[in-house]
Amino acid sequence: MKFSVSYPILAHPPDPDLLTGDGLAAFCRAAERAGFDGIGFTDHPAPTDRWLNAGGHDAFDPMAAFAYCAAVTERLMLIPNIYVLPYRNPFLVAKAAATVDALSGGRFILAVATGYLRGEYKALGVDFDERNDLFDEALEVIRGIWTTDDYTYAGRHFEAVGQSANPKPRALPPIWIGGNSRLSRRRVAAVADGWSPFPAPRVLATTAKTPPLETAEDLAVMLDELWRFVDDAGRDRGAIDIAFTPPSLSDPKAGRTGADATLDTIAELAAIGVTWTGLAVPGDSLAHALEVLEELGSTVIAPSAG
């Protein structure tokens, strides 16, 4: 099992210390010292004020934050949590991702999904109802421009004729697809290197219009279907990462149930094929977040490695 942590901008407004370069650097270094394998940043370039004040949260730009994090770490993988592909022209995504990958020495994983906030789509001038078509188009374009010079592609809203973008990744960054739907699993089986479903209690699932996912048992059912799709596609199951953080680990308030319970949950996830899971830290203060990172390193990560 590998462990990731999301930068804890968890509320609106967040702790001011979390919004500084010194704070971000301290957090990234502490996560690496604690033994975490990866760090994530959420992607909300223009959420509505209504969403922010109804339990939402602020966010850094993920690519800018990853570049900063890459400069102060040596080992941490950089994994968006998650990057909303339809928000952006895919050539811009490919360029930003390739840049972060190059500057980090190949430590970038492009974890992507379609997103669900209609208000954010509207603010960015993107048709919410086109999100699935735009998502599939972006996946094709990103891999195309990463590997091909003089690249041509006719998109829904652009026409690329003979484009080249350098530097290209030396090794293609893995692409993980987030989401709980059957369509997400079909996409993973067809083209992706990992699947990143997200915990969705029944109430949230209704709001986000996504299948509910609360327990390892829920996930196991979805994984059975994913592996059927992977087999049908003639692909190797072992080449696909599964990243999942259940509610008991994803909520800093609910997840502090003791190391034994956490280790039991991790063992349960590993038994059904999960290869990455997240451990949450509080966002009430930078000092508290750093304290919990160290604690998790000694009580959860180190014992798991042993």
C-alpha atoms as a PDB file:
ATOM      1  CA  MET A   1       0.000   0.000   0.000  1.00  0.00           C
ATOM      2  CA  LYS A   2       1.167   3.517  -0.830  1.00  0.00           C
ATOM      3  CA  PHE A   3      -0.031   6.553   1.077  1.00  0.00           C
ATOM      4  CA  SER A   4      -1.005  10.009  -0.111  1.00  0.00           C
ATOM      5  CA  VAL A   5      -2.133  13.124   1.698  1.00  0.00           C
ATOM      6  CA  SER A   6      -4.148  16.035   0.366  1.00  0.00           C
ATOM      7  CA  TYR A   7      -3.056  19.528   1.270  1.00  0.00           C
ATOM      8  CA  PRO A   8      -5.531  20.444   4.015  1.00  0.00           C
ATOM      9  CA  ILE A   9      -7.309  23.479   2.662  1.00  0.00           C
ATOM     10  CA  LEU A  10     -10.517  22.012   4.009  1.00  0.00           C
ATOM     11  CA  ALA A  11     -12.709  24.988   4.791  1.00  0.00           C
ATOM     12  CA  HIS A  12     -13.627  28.496   3.739  1.00  0.00           C
ATOM     13  CA  PRO A  13     -11.797  30.529   4.841  1.00  0.00           C
ATOM     14  CA  PRO A  14      -8.747  28.350   5.524  1.00  0.00           C
ATOM     15  CA  ASP A  15      -5.978  28.885   8.052  1.00  0.00           C
ATOM     16  CA  PRO A  16      -3.875  31.765   6.628  1.00  0.00           C
ATOM     17  CA  ASP A  17      -0.627  29.903   7.367  1.00  0.00           C
ATOM     18  CA  LEU A  18      -1.669  27.233   4.852  1.00  0.00           C
ATOM     19  CA  LEU A  19      -1.798  29.878   2.121  1.00  0.00           C
ATOM     20  CA  THR A  20       1.892  30.840   2.290  1.00  0.00           C
ATOM     21  CA  GLY A  21       4.930  29.497   0.503  1.00  0.00           C
ATOM     22  CA  ASP A  22       6.630  28.751   3.810  1.00  0.00           C
ATOM     23  CA  GLY A  23       3.576  26.836   5.004  1.00  0.00           C
ATOM     24  CA  LEU A  24       3.324  24.792   1.835  1.00  0.00           C
ATOM     25  CA  ALA A  25       7.038  23.986   1.887  1.00  0.00           C
ATOM     26  CA  ALA A  26       6.894  22.923   5.533  1.00  0.00           C
ATOM     27  CA  PHE A  27       3.933  20.658   4.855  1.00  0.00           C
ATOM     28  CA  CYS A  28       5.490  18.996   1.798  1.00  0.00           C
ATOM     29  CA  ARG A  29       8.777  18.362   3.591  1.00  0.00           C
ATOM     30  CA  ALA A  30       6.986  16.999   6.653  1.00  0.00           C
ATOM     31  CA  ALA A  31       4.881  14.649   4.508  1.00  0.00           C
ATOM     32  CA  GLU A  32       7.994  13.296   2.830  1.00  0.00           C
ATOM     33  CA  ARG A  33       9.787  12.817   6.177  1.00  0.00           C
ATOM     34  CA  ALA A  34       6.753  10.985   7.549  1.00  0.00           C
ATOM     35  CA  GLY A  35       6.954   8.456   4.723  1.00  0.00           C
ATOM     36  CA  PHE A  36       4.043   9.542   2.562  1.00  0.00           C
ATOM     37  CA  ASP A  37       4.384   8.502  -1.084  1.00  0.00           C
ATOM     38  CA  GLY A  38       2.316  11.248  -2.674  1.00  0.00           C
ATOM     39  CA  ILE A  39       0.621  14.601  -2.143  1.00  0.00           C
ATOM     40  CA  GLY A  40      -2.543  15.968  -3.712  1.00  0.00           C
ATOM     41  CA  PHE A  41      -4.190  19.317  -4.360  1.00  0.00           C
ATOM     42  CA  THR A  42      -7.826  19.832  -5.245  1.00  0.00           C
ATOM     43  CA  ASP A  43      -8.922  21.725  -8.359  1.00  0.00           C
ATOM     44  CA  HIS A  44     -11.471  24.522  -7.945  1.00  0.00           C
ATOM     45  CA  PRO A  45     -10.521  27.534 -10.091  1.00  0.00           C
ATOM     46  CA  ALA A  46     -13.871  29.342  -9.775  1.00  0.00           C
ATOM     47  CA  PRO A  47     -16.376  27.779  -7.368  1.00  0.00           C
ATOM     48  CA  THR A  48     -19.509  29.667  -6.421  1.00  0.00           C
ATOM     49  CA  ASP A  49     -19.615  31.615  -3.173  1.00  0.00           C
ATOM     50  CA  ARG A  50     -22.752  29.657  -2.296  1.00  0.00           C
ATOM     51  CA  TRP A  51     -20.824  26.377  -2.529  1.00  0.00           C
ATOM     52  CA  LEU A  52     -17.919  27.756  -0.499  1.00  0.00           C
ATOM     53  CA  ASN A  53     -20.224  28.835   2.307  1.00  0.00           C
ATOM     54  CA  ALA A  54     -22.193  25.583   2.304  1.00  0.00           C
ATOM     55  CA  GLY A  55     -19.297  23.338   3.241  1.00  0.00           C
ATOM     56  CA  GLY A  56     -16.982  23.909   0.290  1.00  0.00           C
ATOM     57  CA  HIS A  57     -13.337  24.923   0.448  1.00  0.00           C
ATOM     58  CA  ASP A  58     -10.788  27.147  -1.222  1.00  0.00           C
ATOM     59  CA  ALA A  59      -7.899  25.757  -3.291  1.00  0.00           C
ATOM     60  CA  PHE A  60      -4.521  26.510  -4.791  1.00  0.00           C
ATOM     61  CA  ASP A  61      -4.015  26.083  -8.506  1.00  0.00           C
ATOM     62  CA  PRO A  62      -2.779  22.466  -8.521  1.00  0.00           C
ATOM     63  CA  MET A  63      -0.083  22.830 -11.167  1.00  0.00           C
ATOM     64  CA  ALA A  64       1.459  25.910  -9.557  1.00  0.00           C
ATOM     65  CA  ALA A  65       1.382  24.231  -6.146  1.00  0.00           C
ATOM     66  CA  PHE A  66       2.966  21.057  -7.535  1.00  0.00           C
ATOM     67  CA  ALA A  67       5.825  23.020  -9.062  1.00  0.00           C
ATOM     68  CA  TYR A  68       6.489  24.614  -5.670  1.00  0.00           C
ATOM     69  CA  CYS A  69       6.252  21.260  -3.911  1.00  0.00           C
ATOM     70  CA  ALA A  70       8.575  19.594  -6.423  1.00  0.00           C
ATOM     71  CA  ALA A  71      11.274  22.135  -5.620  1.00  0.00           C
ATOM     72  CA  VAL A  72      11.339  21.280  -1.904  1.00  0.00           C
ATOM     73  CA  THR A  73      10.962  17.476  -2.057  1.00  0.00           C
ATOM     74  CA  GLU A  74      12.816  14.600  -3.663  1.00  0.00           C
ATOM     75  CA  ARG A  75      10.515  11.599  -3.536  1.00  0.00           C
ATOM     76  CA  LEU A  76       6.845  12.601  -3.206  1.00  0.00           C
ATOM     77  CA  MET A  77       4.647  11.778  -6.179  1.00  0.00           C
ATOM     78  CA  LEU A  78       2.501  14.721  -7.283  1.00  0.00           C
ATOM     79  CA  ILE A  79      -1.121  13.650  -7.794  1.00  0.00           C
ATOM     80  CA  PRO A  80      -4.022  16.057  -8.407  1.00  0.00           C
ATOM     81  CA  ASN A  81      -7.067  15.311  -6.325  1.00  0.00           C
ATOM     82  CA  ILE A  82      -8.436  15.648  -8.989  1.00  0.00           C
ATOM     83  CA  TYR A  83      -7.853  17.766 -12.135  1.00  0.00           C
ATOM     84  CA  VAL A  84     -11.053  18.621 -14.026  1.00  0.00           C
ATOM     85  CA  LEU A  85     -10.154  18.052 -17.667  1.00  0.00           C
ATOM     86  CA  PRO A  86     -13.145  19.712 -19.399  1.00  0.00           C
ATOM     87  CA  TYR A  87     -12.404  23.044 -17.686  1.00  0.00           C
ATOM     88  CA  ARG A  88      -9.383  23.599 -19.939  1.00  0.00           C
ATOM     89  CA  ASN A  89      -8.123  23.245 -23.476  1.00  0.00           C
ATOM     90  CA  PRO A  90      -6.292  19.882 -23.467  1.00  0.00           C
ATOM     91  CA  PHE A  91      -3.133  21.355 -24.999  1.00  0.00           C
ATOM     92  CA  LEU A  92      -2.805  23.631 -21.956  1.00  0.00           C
ATOM     93  CA  VAL A  93      -3.245  20.659 -19.637  1.00  0.00           C
ATOM     94  CA  ALA A  94      -0.640  18.662 -21.548  1.00  0.00           C
ATOM     95  CA  LYS A  95       1.861  21.530 -21.397  1.00  0.00           C
ATOM     96  CA  ALA A  96       1.380  22.159 -17.658  1.00  0.00           C
ATOM     97  CA  ALA A  97       1.561  18.452 -16.820  1.00  0.00           C
ATOM     98  CA  ALA A  98       4.672  17.876 -18.929  1.00  0.00           C
ATOM     99  CA  THR A  99       6.360  20.878 -17.300  1.00  0.00           C
ATOM    100  CA  VAL A 100       5.644  19.692 -13.753  1.00  0.00           C
ATOM    101  CA  ASP A 101       6.745  16.189 -14.699  1.00  0.00           C
ATOM    102  CA  ALA A 102      10.037  17.466 -16.128  1.00  0.00           C
ATOM    103  CA  LEU A 103      10.819  19.757 -13.203  1.00  0.00           C
ATOM    104  CA  SER A 104       9.993  17.062 -10.653  1.00  0.00           C
ATOM    105  CA  GLY A 105      12.096  14.385 -12.318  1.00  0.00           C
ATOM    106  CA  GLY A 106       9.139  12.289 -13.475  1.00  0.00           C
ATOM    107  CA  ARG A 107       7.097  12.417 -10.267  1.00  0.00           C
ATOM    108  CA  PHE A 108       3.771  13.531 -11.732  1.00  0.00           C
ATOM    109  CA  ILE A 109       0.571  11.491 -12.055  1.00  0.00           C
ATOM    110  CA  LEU A 110      -2.261  13.105 -14.009  1.00  0.00           C
ATOM    111  CA  ALA A 111      -5.368  12.167 -12.019  1.00  0.00           C
ATOM    112  CA  VAL A 112      -8.424  13.556 -13.797  1.00  0.00           C
ATOM    113  CA  ALA A 113     -12.218  13.526 -13.735  1.00  0.00           C
ATOM    114  CA  THR A 114     -15.177  15.381 -15.198  1.00  0.00           C
ATOM    115  CA  GLY A 115     -16.181  17.339 -12.091  1.00  0.00           C
ATOM    116  CA  TYR A 116     -19.725  18.086 -10.986  1.00  0.00           C
ATOM    117  CA  LEU A 117     -20.113  21.797 -10.147  1.00  0.00           C
ATOM    118  CA  ARG A 118     -22.385  23.378 -12.745  1.00  0.00           C
ATOM    119  CA  GLY A 119     -21.667  26.887 -11.468  1.00  0.00           C
ATOM    120  CA  GLU A 120     -17.940  26.428 -11.973  1.00  0.00           C
ATOM    121  CA  TYR A 121     -18.489  25.114 -15.493  1.00  0.00           C
ATOM    122  CA  LYS A 122     -20.642  28.140 -16.289  1.00  0.00           C
ATOM    123  CA  ALA A 123     -18.067  30.603 -14.957  1.00  0.00           C
ATOM    124  CA  LEU A 124     -15.365  28.987 -17.081  1.00  0.00           C
ATOM    125  CA  GLY A 125     -17.488  29.117 -20.224  1.00  0.00           C
ATOM    126  CA  VAL A 126     -17.739  25.346 -20.622  1.00  0.00           C
ATOM    127  CA  ASP A 127     -20.978  23.526 -21.387  1.00  0.00           C
ATOM    128  CA  PHE A 128     -21.679  21.170 -18.494  1.00  0.00           C
ATOM    129  CA  ASP A 129     -23.630  18.833 -20.772  1.00  0.00           C
ATOM    130  CA  GLU A 130     -20.572  18.391 -23.011  1.00  0.00           C
ATOM    131  CA  ARG A 131     -18.306  17.344 -20.165  1.00  0.00           C
ATOM    132  CA  ASN A 132     -18.071  13.646 -21.066  1.00  0.00           C
ATOM    133  CA  ASP A 133     -17.322  14.301 -24.737  1.00  0.00           C
ATOM    134  CA  LEU A 134     -14.753  16.954 -23.792  1.00  0.00           C
ATOM    135  CA  PHE A 135     -13.166  14.603 -21.272  1.00  0.00           C
ATOM    136  CA  ASP A 136     -12.672  11.793 -23.781  1.00  0.00           C
ATOM    137  CA  GLU A 137     -11.359  14.236 -26.365  1.00  0.00           C
ATOM    138  CA  ALA A 138      -8.851  15.635 -23.866  1.00  0.00           C
ATOM    139  CA  LEU A 139      -7.459  12.214 -22.980  1.00  0.00           C
ATOM    140  CA  GLU A 140      -6.752  11.539 -26.644  1.00  0.00           C
ATOM    141  CA  VAL A 141      -5.196  14.950 -27.270  1.00  0.00           C
ATOM    142  CA  ILE A 142      -2.961  14.914 -24.184  1.00  0.00           C
ATOM    143  CA  ARG A 143      -1.393  11.586 -25.050  1.00  0.00           C
ATOM    144  CA  GLY A 144      -1.194  12.625 -28.690  1.00  0.00           C
ATOM    145  CA  ILE A 145       0.735  15.860 -28.131  1.00  0.00           C
ATOM    146  CA  TRP A 146       2.958  14.161 -25.534  1.00  0.00           C
ATOM    147  CA  THR A 147       4.133  11.637 -28.115  1.00  0.00           C
ATOM    148  CA  THR A 148       3.765  13.228 -31.543  1.00  0.00           C
ATOM    149  CA  ASP A 149       5.288  16.160 -33.410  1.00  0.00           C
ATOM    150  CA  ASP A 150       3.314  17.836 -36.172  1.00  0.00           C
ATOM    151  CA  TYR A 151       0.167  16.704 -34.365  1.00  0.00           C
ATOM    152  CA  THR A 152      -3.236  17.291 -35.916  1.00  0.00           C
ATOM    153  CA  TYR A 153      -6.595  16.977 -34.209  1.00  0.00           C
ATOM    154  CA  ALA A 154     -10.059  18.348 -34.946  1.00  0.00           C
ATOM    155  CA  GLY A 155     -11.739  19.028 -31.629  1.00  0.00           C
ATOM    156  CA  ARG A 156     -15.272  20.065 -30.773  1.00  0.00           C
ATOM    157  CA  HIS A 157     -14.192  23.670 -30.228  1.00  0.00           C
ATOM    158  CA  PHE A 158     -10.704  23.889 -31.733  1.00  0.00           C
ATOM    159  CA  GLU A 159      -8.724  22.741 -34.719  1.00  0.00           C
ATOM    160  CA  ALA A 160      -5.079  21.824 -34.275  1.00  0.00           C
ATOM    161  CA  VAL A 161      -3.071  21.482 -37.465  1.00  0.00           C
ATOM    162  CA  GLY A 162       0.569  20.431 -37.188  1.00  0.00           C
ATOM    163  CA  GLN A 163       1.143  21.305 -33.523  1.00  0.00           C
ATOM    164  CA  SER A 164       4.311  20.380 -31.589  1.00  0.00           C
ATOM    165  CA  ALA A 165       4.897  20.862 -27.860  1.00  0.00           C
ATOM    166  CA  ASN A 166       8.221  20.363 -26.118  1.00  0.00           C
ATOM    167  CA  PRO A 167       9.738  19.236 -23.864  1.00  0.00           C
ATOM    168  CA  LYS A 168       7.870  15.975 -24.110  1.00  0.00           C
ATOM    169  CA  PRO A 169       7.785  13.667 -21.087  1.00  0.00           C
ATOM    170  CA  ARG A 170      10.679  11.188 -21.107  1.00  0.00           C
ATOM    171  CA  ALA A 171       8.259   8.566 -19.834  1.00  0.00           C
ATOM    172  CA  LEU A 172       4.550   9.274 -20.129  1.00  0.00           C
ATOM    173  CA  PRO A 173       3.044  10.320 -16.788  1.00  0.00           C
ATOM    174  CA  PRO A 174       0.453   7.804 -15.630  1.00  0.00           C
ATOM    175  CA  ILE A 175      -3.138   8.888 -16.115  1.00  0.00           C
ATOM    176  CA  TRP A 176      -5.633   8.036 -13.389  1.00  0.00           C
ATOM    177  CA  ILE A 177      -9.351   8.520 -13.941  1.00  0.00           C
ATOM    178  CA  GLY A 178     -11.547   9.528 -11.036  1.00  0.00           C
ATOM    179  CA  GLY A 179     -15.238   8.893 -10.575  1.00  0.00           C
ATOM    180  CA  ASN A 180     -17.594   6.215  -9.367  1.00  0.00           C
ATOM    181  CA  SER A 181     -19.642   5.646 -12.509  1.00  0.00           C
ATOM    182  CA  ARG A 182     -19.580   2.636 -14.798  1.00  0.00           C
ATOM    183  CA  LEU A 183     -18.413   4.981 -17.559  1.00  0.00           C
ATOM    184  CA  SER A 184     -15.350   5.869 -15.464  1.00  0.00           C
ATOM    185  CA  ARG A 185     -14.491   2.198 -15.051  1.00  0.00           C
ATOM    186  CA  ARG A 186     -14.898   1.580 -18.780  1.00  0.00           C
ATOM    187  CA  ARG A 187     -12.543   4.472 -19.480  1.00  0.00           C
ATOM    188  CA  VAL A 188      -9.969   3.106 -17.059  1.00  0.00           C
ATOM    189  CA  ALA A 189     -10.086  -0.320 -18.650  1.00  0.00           C
ATOM    190  CA  ALA A 190      -9.683   1.175 -22.106  1.00  0.00           C
ATOM    191  CA  VAL A 191      -7.015   3.844 -21.694  1.00  0.00           C
ATOM    192  CA  ALA A 192      -5.908   4.640 -18.144  1.00  0.00           C
ATOM    193  CA  ASP A 193      -3.225   3.582 -15.675  1.00  0.00           C
ATOM    194  CA  GLY A 194      -5.308   3.923 -12.538  1.00  0.00           C
ATOM    195  CA  TRP A 195      -8.787   4.334 -11.096  1.00  0.00           C
ATOM    196  CA  SER A 196      -9.492   6.837  -8.324  1.00  0.00           C
ATOM    197  CA  PRO A 197     -13.068   6.583  -7.048  1.00  0.00           C
ATOM    198  CA  PHE A 198     -14.049   8.877  -4.222  1.00  0.00           C
ATOM    199  CA  PRO A 199     -15.980   8.187  -1.016  1.00  0.00           C
ATOM    200  CA  ALA A 200     -19.597   9.100  -1.592  1.00  0.00           C
ATOM    201  CA  PRO A 201     -22.039   8.676   1.283  1.00  0.00           C
ATOM    202  CA  ARG A 202     -25.631   8.280   0.150  1.00  0.00           C
ATOM    203  CA  VAL A 203     -26.486  11.948   0.774  1.00  0.00           C
ATOM    204  CA  LEU A 204     -23.421  13.272  -1.107  1.00  0.00           C
ATOM    205  CA  ALA A 205     -24.003  10.782  -3.907  1.00  0.00           C
ATOM    206  CA  THR A 206     -27.398  12.318  -4.578  1.00  0.00           C
ATOM    207  CA  THR A 207     -25.961  15.852  -4.660  1.00  0.00           C
ATOM    208  CA  ALA A 208     -23.005  14.929  -6.863  1.00  0.00           C
ATOM    209  CA  LYS A 209     -25.096  12.597  -9.015  1.00  0.00           C
ATOM    210  CA  THR A 210     -22.667   9.739  -8.535  1.00  0.00           C
ATOM    211  CA  PRO A 211     -23.065   6.137  -7.363  1.00  0.00           C
ATOM    212  CA  PRO A 212     -22.698   5.829  -3.576  1.00  0.00           C
ATOM    213  CA  LEU A 213     -19.434   4.421  -2.267  1.00  0.00           C
ATOM    214  CA  GLU A 214     -18.930   4.156   1.471  1.00  0.00           C
ATOM    215  CA  THR A 215     -17.323   0.825   2.326  1.00  0.00           C
ATOM    216  CA  ALA A 216     -14.770  -1.683   1.106  1.00  0.00           C
ATOM    217  CA  GLU A 217     -17.704  -3.924   0.253  1.00  0.00           C
ATOM    218  CA  ASP A 218     -19.144  -1.204  -2.023  1.00  0.00           C
ATOM    219  CA  LEU A 219     -15.763  -0.856  -3.697  1.00  0.00           C
ATOM    220  CA  ALA A 220     -15.277  -4.602  -4.137  1.00  0.00           C
ATOM    221  CA  VAL A 221     -18.439  -4.812  -6.233  1.00  0.00           C
ATOM    222  CA  MET A 222     -17.224  -1.984  -8.467  1.00  0.00           C
ATOM    223  CA  LEU A 223     -13.765  -3.556  -8.736  1.00  0.00           C
ATOM    224  CA  ASP A 224     -15.245  -6.852  -9.903  1.00  0.00           C
ATOM    225  CA  GLU A 225     -16.826  -4.967 -12.784  1.00  0.00           C
ATOM    226  CA  LEU A 226     -13.655  -2.998 -13.508  1.00  0.00           C
ATOM    227  CA  TRP A 227     -11.578  -6.178 -13.748  1.00  0.00           C
ATOM    228  CA  ARG A 228     -14.103  -7.693 -16.163  1.00  0.00           C
ATOM    229  CA  PHE A 229     -13.730  -4.622 -18.353  1.00  0.00           C
ATOM    230  CA  VAL A 230      -9.926  -4.824 -18.077  1.00  0.00           C
ATOM    231  CA  ASP A 231      -9.938  -8.493 -19.049  1.00  0.00           C
ATOM    232  CA  ASP A 232     -12.225  -7.774 -22.004  1.00  0.00           C
ATOM    233  CA  ALA A 233      -9.773  -5.081 -23.143  1.00  0.00           C
ATOM    234  CA  GLY A 234      -6.901  -7.569 -22.996  1.00  0.00           C
ATOM    235  CA  ARG A 235      -4.993  -5.527 -20.437  1.00  0.00           C
ATOM    236  CA  ASP A 236      -2.965  -6.526 -17.388  1.00  0.00           C
ATOM    237  CA  ARG A 237      -4.809  -5.975 -14.101  1.00  0.00           C
ATOM    238  CA  GLY A 238      -1.492  -5.500 -12.329  1.00  0.00           C
ATOM    239  CA  ALA A 239      -0.670  -2.472 -14.484  1.00  0.00           C
ATOM    240  CA  ILE A 240      -3.605  -0.481 -13.083  1.00  0.00           C
ATOM    241  CA  ASP A 241      -3.423   1.310  -9.736  1.00  0.00           C
ATOM    242  CA  ILE A 242      -6.480   1.588  -7.514  1.00  0.00           C
ATOM    243  CA  ALA A 243      -6.539   4.680  -5.293  1.00  0.00           C
ATOM    244  CA  PHE A 244      -9.323   4.892  -2.721  1.00  0.00           C
ATOM    245  CA  THR A 245      -9.764   6.623   0.608  1.00  0.00           C
ATOM    246  CA  PRO A 246     -12.849   5.478   2.547  1.00  0.00           C
ATOM    247  CA  PRO A 247     -14.790   7.934   4.738  1.00  0.00           C
ATOM    248  CA  SER A 248     -13.107   6.601   7.882  1.00  0.00           C
ATOM    249  CA  LEU A 249      -9.741   7.799   6.542  1.00  0.00           C
ATOM    250  CA  SER A 250     -10.794  10.824   4.478  1.00  0.00           C
ATOM    251  CA  ASP A 251     -12.367  12.930   7.235  1.00  0.00           C
ATOM    252  CA  PRO A 252      -9.835  14.215   9.793  1.00  0.00           C
ATOM    253  CA  LYS A 253     -12.600  14.527  12.390  1.00  0.00           C
ATOM    254  CA  ALA A 254     -14.058  11.039  11.868  1.00  0.00           C
ATOM    255  CA  GLY A 255     -10.886   9.241  10.972  1.00  0.00           C
ATOM    256  CA  ARG A 256      -8.898   9.576  14.211  1.00  0.00           C
ATOM    257  CA  THR A 257     -10.142   6.255  15.553  1.00  0.00           C
ATOM    258  CA  GLY A 258      -6.749   4.943  16.605  1.00  0.00           C
ATOM    259  CA  ALA A 259      -3.882   3.312  14.774  1.00  0.00           C
ATOM    260  CA  ASP A 260      -5.216  -0.231  15.167  1.00  0.00           C
ATOM    261  CA  ALA A 261      -8.526   0.588  13.490  1.00  0.00           C
ATOM    262  CA  THR A 262      -6.726   2.488  10.735  1.00  0.00           C
ATOM    263  CA  LEU A 263      -4.329  -0.394  10.091  1.00  0.00           C
ATOM    264  CA  ASP A 264      -7.271  -2.818   9.951  1.00  0.00           C
ATOM    265  CA  THR A 265      -8.970  -0.613   7.356  1.00  0.00           C
ATOM    266  CA  ILE A 266      -5.778  -0.435   5.304  1.00  0.00           C
ATOM    267  CA  ALA A 267      -5.392  -4.218   5.392  1.00  0.00           C
ATOM    268  CA  GLU A 268      -9.011  -4.609   4.266  1.00  0.00           C
ATOM    269  CA  LEU A 269      -8.424  -2.242   1.342  1.00  0.00           C
ATOM    270  CA  ALA A 270      -5.196  -3.991   0.321  1.00  0.00           C
ATOM    271  CA  ALA A 271      -6.980  -7.337   0.368  1.00  0.00           C
ATOM    272  CA  ILE A 272      -9.405  -6.222  -2.345  1.00  0.00           C
ATOM    273  CA  GLY A 273      -6.710  -4.687  -4.545  1.00  0.00           C
ATOM    274  CA  VAL A 274      -6.339  -1.049  -3.453  1.00  0.00           C
ATOM    275  CA  THR A 275      -2.757   0.124  -4.081  1.00  0.00           C
ATOM    276  CA  TRP A 276      -2.996   3.741  -2.856  1.00  0.00           C
ATOM    277  CA  THR A 277      -4.989   5.228  -0.005  1.00  0.00           C
ATOM    278  CA  GLY A 278      -5.096   8.648   1.580  1.00  0.00           C
ATOM    279  CA  LEU A 279      -4.613   9.655   5.181  1.00  0.00           C
ATOM    280  CA  ALA A 280      -6.300  12.883   6.193  1.00  0.00           C
ATOM    281  CA  VAL A 281      -4.827  15.615   8.354  1.00  0.00           C
ATOM    282  CA  PRO A 282      -6.696  18.509   9.965  1.00  0.00           C
ATOM    283  CA  GLY A 283      -6.755  21.938   8.391  1.00  0.00           C
ATOM    284  CA  ASP A 284      -7.537  24.022  11.458  1.00  0.00           C
ATOM    285  CA  SER A 285      -3.912  25.112  11.651  1.00  0.00           C
ATOM    286  CA  LEU A 286      -0.620  24.432   9.910  1.00  0.00           C
ATOM    287  CA  ALA A 287       0.959  23.465  13.243  1.00  0.00           C
ATOM    288  CA  HIS A 288      -1.730  20.855  13.902  1.00  0.00           C
ATOM    289  CA  ALA A 289      -1.397  19.465  10.363  1.00  0.00           C
ATOM    290  CA  LEU A 290       2.373  19.068  10.774  1.00  0.00           C
ATOM    291  CA  GLU A 291       1.888  17.357  14.136  1.00  0.00           C
ATOM    292  CA  VAL A 292      -0.556  14.833  12.660  1.00  0.00           C
ATOM    293  CA  LEU A 293       1.674  14.125   9.660  1.00  0.00           C
ATOM    294  CA  GLU A 294       4.445  13.078  12.032  1.00  0.00           C
ATOM    295  CA  GLU A 295       2.023  11.009  14.102  1.00  0.00           C
ATOM    296  CA  LEU A 296       0.667   9.175  11.064  1.00  0.00           C
ATOM    297  CA  GLY A 297       4.176   8.430   9.894  1.00  0.00           C
ATOM    298  CA  SER A 298       5.042   6.626  13.101  1.00  0.00           C
ATOM    299  CA  THR A 299       1.696   4.982  13.905  1.00  0.00           C
ATOM    300  CA  VAL A 300       0.384   4.034  10.459  1.00  0.00           C
ATOM    301  CA  ILE A 301       2.901   4.332   7.621  1.00  0.00           C
ATOM    302  CA  ALA A 302       5.914   2.785   9.335  1.00  0.00           C
ATOM    303  CA  PRO A 303       3.959  -0.210  10.700  1.00  0.00           C
ATOM    304  CA  SER A 304       2.366  -0.779   7.297  1.00  0.00           C
ATOM    305  CA  ALA A 305       5.764  -0.826   5.626  1.00  0.00           C
ATOM    306  CA  GLY A 306       7.028  -3.258   8.229  1.00  0.00           C
END
